[in-house]
Structure formats: structure tokens, C-alpha cells
Amino acid sequence: VERGPGGKTVWCEVVRGREPADFGDIAVPGCLA
């Protein structure tokens, strides 16, 4: 997280091109994403 004069930025760095993780059949009712 970086704070600035106009708020904050939450950031992350990911490796591109790798296979997605297998989380199986996950469906969580009520969550947004």
C-alpha cells in the first residue's frame, strides 16, 4: 500500500503466463468478486 496526498494505492505484482491455481468448485454466496 502506498499513501499519497489524494488517497492510497493498493498494488500487487503477479507473474504473467503461469497456469491458474486450481481452487476447485468454489462458489461463496454473498461475496462480490
PDB file of all heavy atoms in Angstrom:
ATOM      1  N   VAL A   1       0.860  -1.179   0.000  1.00  0.00           N
ATOM      2  CA  VAL A   1       0.000   0.000   0.000  1.00  0.00           C
ATOM      3  C   VAL A   1       0.895   1.226   0.000  1.00  0.00           C
ATOM      4  O   VAL A   1       1.887   1.282   0.736  1.00  0.00           O
ATOM      5  CB  VAL A   1      -0.904   0.035   1.252  1.00  0.00           C
ATOM      6  CG1 VAL A   1      -1.836   1.236   1.217  1.00  0.00           C
ATOM      7  CG2 VAL A   1      -1.679  -1.255   1.402  1.00  0.00           C
ATOM      8  N   GLU A   2       0.557   2.201  -0.825  1.00  0.00           N
ATOM      9  CA  GLU A   2       1.270   3.474  -0.850  1.00  0.00           C
ATOM     10  C   GLU A   2       0.269   4.578  -0.570  1.00  0.00           C
ATOM     11  O   GLU A   2      -0.782   4.645  -1.210  1.00  0.00           O
ATOM     12  CB  GLU A   2       1.917   3.697  -2.222  1.00  0.00           C
ATOM     13  CG  GLU A   2       2.959   2.655  -2.566  1.00  0.00           C
ATOM     14  CD  GLU A   2       3.418   2.736  -4.014  1.00  0.00           C
ATOM     15  OE1 GLU A   2       2.870   3.543  -4.796  1.00  0.00           O
ATOM     16  OE2 GLU A   2       4.313   1.956  -4.364  1.00  0.00           O
ATOM     17  N   ARG A   3       0.589   5.432   0.402  1.00  0.00           N
ATOM     18  CA  ARG A   3      -0.248   6.597   0.680  1.00  0.00           C
ATOM     19  C   ARG A   3       0.252   7.772  -0.129  1.00  0.00           C
ATOM     20  O   ARG A   3       1.453   7.953  -0.303  1.00  0.00           O
ATOM     21  CB  ARG A   3      -0.193   6.961   2.152  1.00  0.00           C
ATOM     22  CG  ARG A   3      -0.959   6.026   3.020  1.00  0.00           C
ATOM     23  CD  ARG A   3      -1.010   6.544   4.427  1.00  0.00           C
ATOM     24  NE  ARG A   3      -1.622   5.542   5.260  1.00  0.00           N
ATOM     25  CZ  ARG A   3      -1.835   5.689   6.540  1.00  0.00           C
ATOM     26  NH1 ARG A   3      -1.484   6.804   7.140  1.00  0.00           N
ATOM     27  NH2 ARG A   3      -2.405   4.737   7.228  1.00  0.00           N
ATOM     28  N   GLY A   4      -0.687   8.564  -0.613  1.00  0.00           N
ATOM     29  CA  GLY A   4      -0.343   9.767  -1.342  1.00  0.00           C
ATOM     30  C   GLY A   4      -1.222  10.910  -0.874  1.00  0.00           C
ATOM     31  O   GLY A   4      -2.102  10.714  -0.029  1.00  0.00           O
ATOM     32  N   PRO A   5      -1.009  12.097  -1.424  1.00  0.00           N
ATOM     33  CA  PRO A   5      -1.791  13.249  -0.986  1.00  0.00           C
ATOM     34  C   PRO A   5      -3.285  13.124  -1.298  1.00  0.00           C
ATOM     35  O   PRO A   5      -4.115  13.696  -0.612  1.00  0.00           O
ATOM     36  CB  PRO A   5      -1.178  14.423  -1.754  1.00  0.00           C
ATOM     37  CG  PRO A   5      -0.446  13.812  -2.894  1.00  0.00           C
ATOM     38  CD  PRO A   5      -0.066  12.427  -2.478  1.00  0.00           C
ATOM     39  N   GLY A   6      -3.625  12.344  -2.316  1.00  0.00           N
ATOM     40  CA  GLY A   6      -5.031  12.204  -2.700  1.00  0.00           C
ATOM     41  C   GLY A   6      -5.651  10.889  -2.320  1.00  0.00           C
ATOM     42  O   GLY A   6      -6.711  10.530  -2.829  1.00  0.00           O
ATOM     43  N   GLY A   7      -5.019  10.108  -1.452  1.00  0.00           N
ATOM     44  CA  GLY A   7      -5.582   8.823  -1.047  1.00  0.00           C
ATOM     45  C   GLY A   7      -4.523   7.755  -0.910  1.00  0.00           C
ATOM     46  O   GLY A   7      -3.409   8.020  -0.469  1.00  0.00           O
ATOM     47  N   LYS A   8      -4.875   6.536  -1.297  1.00  0.00           N
ATOM     48  CA  LYS A   8      -3.929   5.421  -1.199  1.00  0.00           C
ATOM     49  C   LYS A   8      -4.059   4.536  -2.427  1.00  0.00           C
ATOM     50  O   LYS A   8      -5.096   4.512  -3.087  1.00  0.00           O
ATOM     51  CB  LYS A   8      -4.163   4.607   0.066  1.00  0.00           C
ATOM     52  CG  LYS A   8      -5.448   3.823   0.072  1.00  0.00           C
ATOM     53  CD  LYS A   8      -5.569   3.007   1.346  1.00  0.00           C
ATOM     54  CE  LYS A   8      -6.927   2.389   1.501  1.00  0.00           C
ATOM     55  NZ  LYS A   8      -8.042   3.314   1.560  1.00  0.00           N
ATOM     56  N   THR A   9      -2.983   3.828  -2.711  1.00  0.00           N
ATOM     57  CA  THR A   9      -2.959   2.859  -3.804  1.00  0.00           C
ATOM     58  C   THR A   9      -2.582   1.505  -3.227  1.00  0.00           C
ATOM     59  O   THR A   9      -1.540   1.371  -2.585  1.00  0.00           O
ATOM     60  CB  THR A   9      -1.940   3.267  -4.889  1.00  0.00           C
ATOM     61  OG1 THR A   9      -2.324   4.536  -5.431  1.00  0.00           O
ATOM     62  CG2 THR A   9      -1.875   2.232  -6.000  1.00  0.00           C
ATOM     63  N   VAL A  10      -3.436   0.526  -3.435  1.00  0.00           N
ATOM     64  CA  VAL A  10      -3.122  -0.855  -3.074  1.00  0.00           C
ATOM     65  C   VAL A  10      -2.674  -1.516  -4.371  1.00  0.00           C
ATOM     66  O   VAL A  10      -3.331  -1.407  -5.391  1.00  0.00           O
ATOM     67  CB  VAL A  10      -4.343  -1.586  -2.479  1.00  0.00           C
ATOM     68  CG1 VAL A  10      -3.958  -2.990  -2.050  1.00  0.00           C
ATOM     69  CG2 VAL A  10      -4.911  -0.801  -1.297  1.00  0.00           C
ATOM     70  N   TRP A  11      -1.531  -2.177  -4.326  1.00  0.00           N
ATOM     71  CA  TRP A  11      -0.931  -2.719  -5.537  1.00  0.00           C
ATOM     72  C   TRP A  11      -0.436  -4.139  -5.286  1.00  0.00           C
ATOM     73  O   TRP A  11      -0.237  -4.551  -4.134  1.00  0.00           O
ATOM     74  CB  TRP A  11       0.240  -1.855  -6.014  1.00  0.00           C
ATOM     75  CG  TRP A  11       1.321  -1.717  -4.977  1.00  0.00           C
ATOM     76  CD1 TRP A  11       1.419  -0.759  -4.010  1.00  0.00           C
ATOM     77  CD2 TRP A  11       2.425  -2.603  -4.781  1.00  0.00           C
ATOM     78  NE1 TRP A  11       2.519  -0.987  -3.226  1.00  0.00           N
ATOM     79  CE2 TRP A  11       3.165  -2.105  -3.680  1.00  0.00           C
ATOM     80  CE3 TRP A  11       2.875  -3.749  -5.426  1.00  0.00           C
ATOM     81  CZ2 TRP A  11       4.316  -2.714  -3.208  1.00  0.00           C
ATOM     82  CZ3 TRP A  11       4.025  -4.371  -4.955  1.00  0.00           C
ATOM     83  CH2 TRP A  11       4.742  -3.850  -3.870  1.00  0.00           C
ATOM     84  N   CYS A  12      -0.263  -4.848  -6.384  1.00  0.00           N
ATOM     85  CA  CYS A  12       0.371  -6.166  -6.312  1.00  0.00           C
ATOM     86  C   CYS A  12       1.070  -6.430  -7.633  1.00  0.00           C
ATOM     87  O   CYS A  12       0.755  -5.818  -8.651  1.00  0.00           O
ATOM     88  CB  CYS A  12      -0.636  -7.262  -5.984  1.00  0.00           C
ATOM     89  SG  CYS A  12      -1.890  -7.550  -7.238  1.00  0.00           S
ATOM     90  N   GLU A  13       2.042  -7.308  -7.597  1.00  0.00           N
ATOM     91  CA  GLU A  13       2.778  -7.715  -8.788  1.00  0.00           C
ATOM     92  C   GLU A  13       2.617  -9.219  -8.958  1.00  0.00           C
ATOM     93  O   GLU A  13       2.845  -9.977  -8.019  1.00  0.00           O
ATOM     94  CB  GLU A  13       4.254  -7.341  -8.672  1.00  0.00           C
ATOM     95  CG  GLU A  13       4.475  -5.849  -8.631  1.00  0.00           C
ATOM     96  CD  GLU A  13       5.921  -5.442  -8.444  1.00  0.00           C
ATOM     97  OE1 GLU A  13       6.804  -6.337  -8.398  1.00  0.00           O
ATOM     98  OE2 GLU A  13       6.173  -4.239  -8.316  1.00  0.00           O
ATOM     99  N   VAL A  14       2.203  -9.600 -10.148  1.00  0.00           N
ATOM    100  CA  VAL A  14       1.979 -11.018 -10.420  1.00  0.00           C
ATOM    101  C   VAL A  14       2.831 -11.470 -11.593  1.00  0.00           C
ATOM    102  O   VAL A  14       3.216 -10.676 -12.449  1.00  0.00           O
ATOM    103  CB  VAL A  14       0.490 -11.326 -10.711  1.00  0.00           C
ATOM    104  CG1 VAL A  14      -0.387 -10.995  -9.529  1.00  0.00           C
ATOM    105  CG2 VAL A  14       0.010 -10.598 -11.938  1.00  0.00           C
ATOM    106  N   VAL A  15       3.128 -12.757 -11.603  1.00  0.00           N
ATOM    107  CA  VAL A  15       3.841 -13.369 -12.719  1.00  0.00           C
ATOM    108  C   VAL A  15       2.801 -13.697 -13.771  1.00  0.00           C
ATOM    109  O   VAL A  15       1.800 -14.351 -13.484  1.00  0.00           O
ATOM    110  CB  VAL A  15       4.588 -14.647 -12.263  1.00  0.00           C
ATOM    111  CG1 VAL A  15       5.211 -15.347 -13.455  1.00  0.00           C
ATOM    112  CG2 VAL A  15       5.629 -14.299 -11.222  1.00  0.00           C
ATOM    113  N   ARG A  16       3.039 -13.243 -14.989  1.00  0.00           N
ATOM    114  CA  ARG A  16       2.107 -13.497 -16.082  1.00  0.00           C
ATOM    115  C   ARG A  16       2.456 -14.803 -16.784  1.00  0.00           C
ATOM    116  O   ARG A  16       3.586 -15.233 -16.778  1.00  0.00           O
ATOM    117  CB  ARG A  16       2.158 -12.352 -17.101  1.00  0.00           C
ATOM    118  CG  ARG A  16       1.726 -11.033 -16.508  1.00  0.00           C
ATOM    119  CD  ARG A  16       1.779  -9.920 -17.511  1.00  0.00           C
ATOM    120  NE  ARG A  16       3.106  -9.845 -18.117  1.00  0.00           N
ATOM    121  CZ  ARG A  16       3.322  -9.647 -19.410  1.00  0.00           C
ATOM    122  NH1 ARG A  16       2.336  -9.497 -20.234  1.00  0.00           N
ATOM    123  NH2 ARG A  16       4.541  -9.585 -19.881  1.00  0.00           N
ATOM    124  N   GLY A  17       1.444 -15.415 -17.362  1.00  0.00           N
ATOM    125  CA  GLY A  17       1.666 -16.583 -18.200  1.00  0.00           C
ATOM    126  C   GLY A  17       1.732 -17.901 -17.472  1.00  0.00           C
ATOM    127  O   GLY A  17       1.918 -18.936 -18.094  1.00  0.00           O
ATOM    128  N   ARG A  18       1.554 -17.916 -16.178  1.00  0.00           N
ATOM    129  CA  ARG A  18       1.548 -19.204 -15.487  1.00  0.00           C
ATOM    130  C   ARG A  18       0.131 -19.739 -15.454  1.00  0.00           C
ATOM    131  O   ARG A  18      -0.835 -19.012 -15.631  1.00  0.00           O
ATOM    132  CB  ARG A  18       2.133 -19.084 -14.086  1.00  0.00           C
ATOM    133  CG  ARG A  18       1.278 -18.329 -13.128  1.00  0.00           C
ATOM    134  CD  ARG A  18       1.906 -18.314 -11.760  1.00  0.00           C
ATOM    135  NE  ARG A  18       0.907 -17.814 -10.832  1.00  0.00           N
ATOM    136  CZ  ARG A  18       1.094 -17.673  -9.567  1.00  0.00           C
ATOM    137  NH1 ARG A  18       2.255 -17.983  -9.038  1.00  0.00           N
ATOM    138  NH2 ARG A  18       0.141 -17.230  -8.800  1.00  0.00           N
ATOM    139  N   GLU A  19       0.011 -21.019 -15.231  1.00  0.00           N
ATOM    140  CA  GLU A  19      -1.303 -21.647 -15.180  1.00  0.00           C
ATOM    141  C   GLU A  19      -2.049 -21.146 -13.949  1.00  0.00           C
ATOM    142  O   GLU A  19      -1.452 -20.947 -12.898  1.00  0.00           O
ATOM    143  CB  GLU A  19      -1.151 -23.175 -15.089  1.00  0.00           C
ATOM    144  CG  GLU A  19      -0.637 -23.790 -16.367  1.00  0.00           C
ATOM    145  CD  GLU A  19      -1.613 -23.611 -17.515  1.00  0.00           C
ATOM    146  OE1 GLU A  19      -2.819 -23.827 -17.329  1.00  0.00           O
ATOM    147  OE2 GLU A  19      -1.151 -23.244 -18.607  1.00  0.00           O
ATOM    148  N   PRO A  20      -3.361 -20.945 -14.056  1.00  0.00           N
ATOM    149  CA  PRO A  20      -4.124 -20.502 -12.893  1.00  0.00           C
ATOM    150  C   PRO A  20      -4.154 -21.581 -11.824  1.00  0.00           C
ATOM    151  O   PRO A  20      -4.093 -22.769 -12.119  1.00  0.00           O
ATOM    152  CB  PRO A  20      -5.521 -20.243 -13.444  1.00  0.00           C
ATOM    153  CG  PRO A  20      -5.593 -21.003 -14.716  1.00  0.00           C
ATOM    154  CD  PRO A  20      -4.183 -21.108 -15.238  1.00  0.00           C
ATOM    155  N   ALA A  21      -4.232 -21.127 -10.576  1.00  0.00           N
ATOM    156  CA  ALA A  21      -4.346 -22.064  -9.468  1.00  0.00           C
ATOM    157  C   ALA A  21      -5.672 -22.798  -9.585  1.00  0.00           C
ATOM    158  O   ALA A  21      -6.657 -22.255 -10.061  1.00  0.00           O
ATOM    159  CB  ALA A  21      -4.276 -21.308  -8.143  1.00  0.00           C
ATOM    160  N   ASP A  22      -5.707 -24.049  -9.166  1.00  0.00           N
ATOM    161  CA  ASP A  22      -6.937 -24.822  -9.192  1.00  0.00           C
ATOM    162  C   ASP A  22      -7.585 -24.738  -7.821  1.00  0.00           C
ATOM    163  O   ASP A  22      -7.161 -25.389  -6.881  1.00  0.00           O
ATOM    164  CB  ASP A  22      -6.633 -26.278  -9.556  1.00  0.00           C
ATOM    165  CG  ASP A  22      -7.894 -27.120  -9.624  1.00  0.00           C
ATOM    166  OD1 ASP A  22      -9.003 -26.555  -9.557  1.00  0.00           O
ATOM    167  OD2 ASP A  22      -7.754 -28.343  -9.743  1.00  0.00           O
ATOM    168  N   PHE A  23      -8.613 -23.894  -7.722  1.00  0.00           N
ATOM    169  CA  PHE A  23      -9.314 -23.749  -6.456  1.00  0.00           C
ATOM    170  C   PHE A  23     -10.506 -24.686  -6.377  1.00  0.00           C
ATOM    171  O   PHE A  23     -11.284 -24.639  -5.441  1.00  0.00           O
ATOM    172  CB  PHE A  23      -9.794 -22.302  -6.270  1.00  0.00           C
ATOM    173  CG  PHE A  23      -8.662 -21.332  -6.089  1.00  0.00           C
ATOM    174  CD1 PHE A  23      -8.401 -20.383  -7.059  1.00  0.00           C
ATOM    175  CD2 PHE A  23      -7.859 -21.373  -4.971  1.00  0.00           C
ATOM    176  CE1 PHE A  23      -7.363 -19.482  -6.899  1.00  0.00           C
ATOM    177  CE2 PHE A  23      -6.822 -20.485  -4.812  1.00  0.00           C
ATOM    178  CZ  PHE A  23      -6.569 -19.535  -5.771  1.00  0.00           C
ATOM    179  N   GLY A  24     -10.676 -25.509  -7.387  1.00  0.00           N
ATOM    180  CA  GLY A  24     -11.793 -26.444  -7.390  1.00  0.00           C
ATOM    181  C   GLY A  24     -13.099 -25.723  -7.659  1.00  0.00           C
ATOM    182  O   GLY A  24     -13.139 -24.667  -8.267  1.00  0.00           O
ATOM    183  N   ASP A  25     -14.177 -26.289  -7.183  1.00  0.00           N
ATOM    184  CA  ASP A  25     -15.515 -25.739  -7.395  1.00  0.00           C
ATOM    185  C   ASP A  25     -15.882 -24.844  -6.225  1.00  0.00           C
ATOM    186  O   ASP A  25     -16.619 -25.244  -5.340  1.00  0.00           O
ATOM    187  CB  ASP A  25     -16.511 -26.892  -7.488  1.00  0.00           C
ATOM    188  CG  ASP A  25     -17.334 -26.816  -8.739  1.00  0.00           C
ATOM    189  OD1 ASP A  25     -17.145 -25.868  -9.505  1.00  0.00           O
ATOM    190  OD2 ASP A  25     -18.165 -27.725  -8.920  1.00  0.00           O
ATOM    191  N   ILE A  26     -15.359 -23.622  -6.217  1.00  0.00           N
ATOM    192  CA  ILE A  26     -15.626 -22.708  -5.109  1.00  0.00           C
ATOM    193  C   ILE A  26     -16.683 -21.713  -5.543  1.00  0.00           C
ATOM    194  O   ILE A  26     -16.525 -21.010  -6.523  1.00  0.00           O
ATOM    195  CB  ILE A  26     -14.350 -21.959  -4.684  1.00  0.00           C
ATOM    196  CG1 ILE A  26     -13.317 -22.932  -4.169  1.00  0.00           C
ATOM    197  CG2 ILE A  26     -14.666 -20.909  -3.642  1.00  0.00           C
ATOM    198  CD1 ILE A  26     -12.012 -22.301  -3.807  1.00  0.00           C
ATOM    199  N   ALA A  27     -17.759 -21.649  -4.807  1.00  0.00           N
ATOM    200  CA  ALA A  27     -18.773 -20.614  -5.003  1.00  0.00           C
ATOM    201  C   ALA A  27     -19.207 -20.178  -3.616  1.00  0.00           C
ATOM    202  O   ALA A  27     -19.772 -20.959  -2.860  1.00  0.00           O
ATOM    203  CB  ALA A  27     -19.955 -21.154  -5.786  1.00  0.00           C
ATOM    204  N   VAL A  28     -18.898 -18.960  -3.269  1.00  0.00           N
ATOM    205  CA  VAL A  28     -19.209 -18.462  -1.940  1.00  0.00           C
ATOM    206  C   VAL A  28     -20.363 -17.477  -2.057  1.00  0.00           C
ATOM    207  O   VAL A  28     -20.189 -16.381  -2.573  1.00  0.00           O
ATOM    208  CB  VAL A  28     -17.979 -17.781  -1.298  1.00  0.00           C
ATOM    209  CG1 VAL A  28     -18.309 -17.319   0.102  1.00  0.00           C
ATOM    210  CG2 VAL A  28     -16.802 -18.745  -1.281  1.00  0.00           C
ATOM    211  N   PRO A  29     -21.570 -17.855  -1.624  1.00  0.00           N
ATOM    212  CA  PRO A  29     -22.705 -16.954  -1.757  1.00  0.00           C
ATOM    213  C   PRO A  29     -22.480 -15.691  -0.937  1.00  0.00           C
ATOM    214  O   PRO A  29     -21.926 -15.735   0.150  1.00  0.00           O
ATOM    215  CB  PRO A  29     -23.878 -17.763  -1.206  1.00  0.00           C
ATOM    216  CG  PRO A  29     -23.327 -19.002  -0.627  1.00  0.00           C
ATOM    217  CD  PRO A  29     -21.887 -19.106  -0.977  1.00  0.00           C
ATOM    218  N   GLY A  30     -22.878 -14.564  -1.512  1.00  0.00           N
ATOM    219  CA  GLY A  30     -22.799 -13.303  -0.780  1.00  0.00           C
ATOM    220  C   GLY A  30     -21.552 -12.499  -1.051  1.00  0.00           C
ATOM    221  O   GLY A  30     -21.512 -11.318  -0.752  1.00  0.00           O
ATOM    222  N   CYS A  31     -20.509 -13.079  -1.601  1.00  0.00           N
ATOM    223  CA  CYS A  31     -19.299 -12.323  -1.887  1.00  0.00           C
ATOM    224  C   CYS A  31     -19.427 -11.655  -3.246  1.00  0.00           C
ATOM    225  O   CYS A  31     -20.091 -12.157  -4.133  1.00  0.00           O
ATOM    226  CB  CYS A  31     -18.062 -13.228  -1.874  1.00  0.00           C
ATOM    227  SG  CYS A  31     -17.636 -13.766  -0.213  1.00  0.00           S
ATOM    228  N   LEU A  32     -18.766 -10.518  -3.400  1.00  0.00           N
ATOM    229  CA  LEU A  32     -18.909  -9.731  -4.622  1.00  0.00           C
ATOM    230  C   LEU A  32     -18.088 -10.254  -5.774  1.00  0.00           C
ATOM    231  O   LEU A  32     -18.556 -10.273  -6.902  1.00  0.00           O
ATOM    232  CB  LEU A  32     -18.526  -8.276  -4.345  1.00  0.00           C
ATOM    233  CG  LEU A  32     -19.438  -7.562  -3.356  1.00  0.00           C
ATOM    234  CD1 LEU A  32     -18.856  -6.206  -3.023  1.00  0.00           C
ATOM    235  CD2 LEU A  32     -20.803  -7.394  -3.976  1.00  0.00           C
ATOM    236  N   ALA A  33     -16.848 -10.605  -5.551  1.00  0.00           N
ATOM    237  CA  ALA A  33     -15.971 -10.986  -6.662  1.00  0.00           C
ATOM    238  C   ALA A  33     -15.788 -12.495  -6.677  1.00  0.00           C
ATOM    239  O   ALA A  33     -15.441 -13.094  -5.681  1.00  0.00           O
ATOM    240  CB  ALA A  33     -14.624 -10.310  -6.528  1.00  0.00           C
TER     241      ALA A  33
END
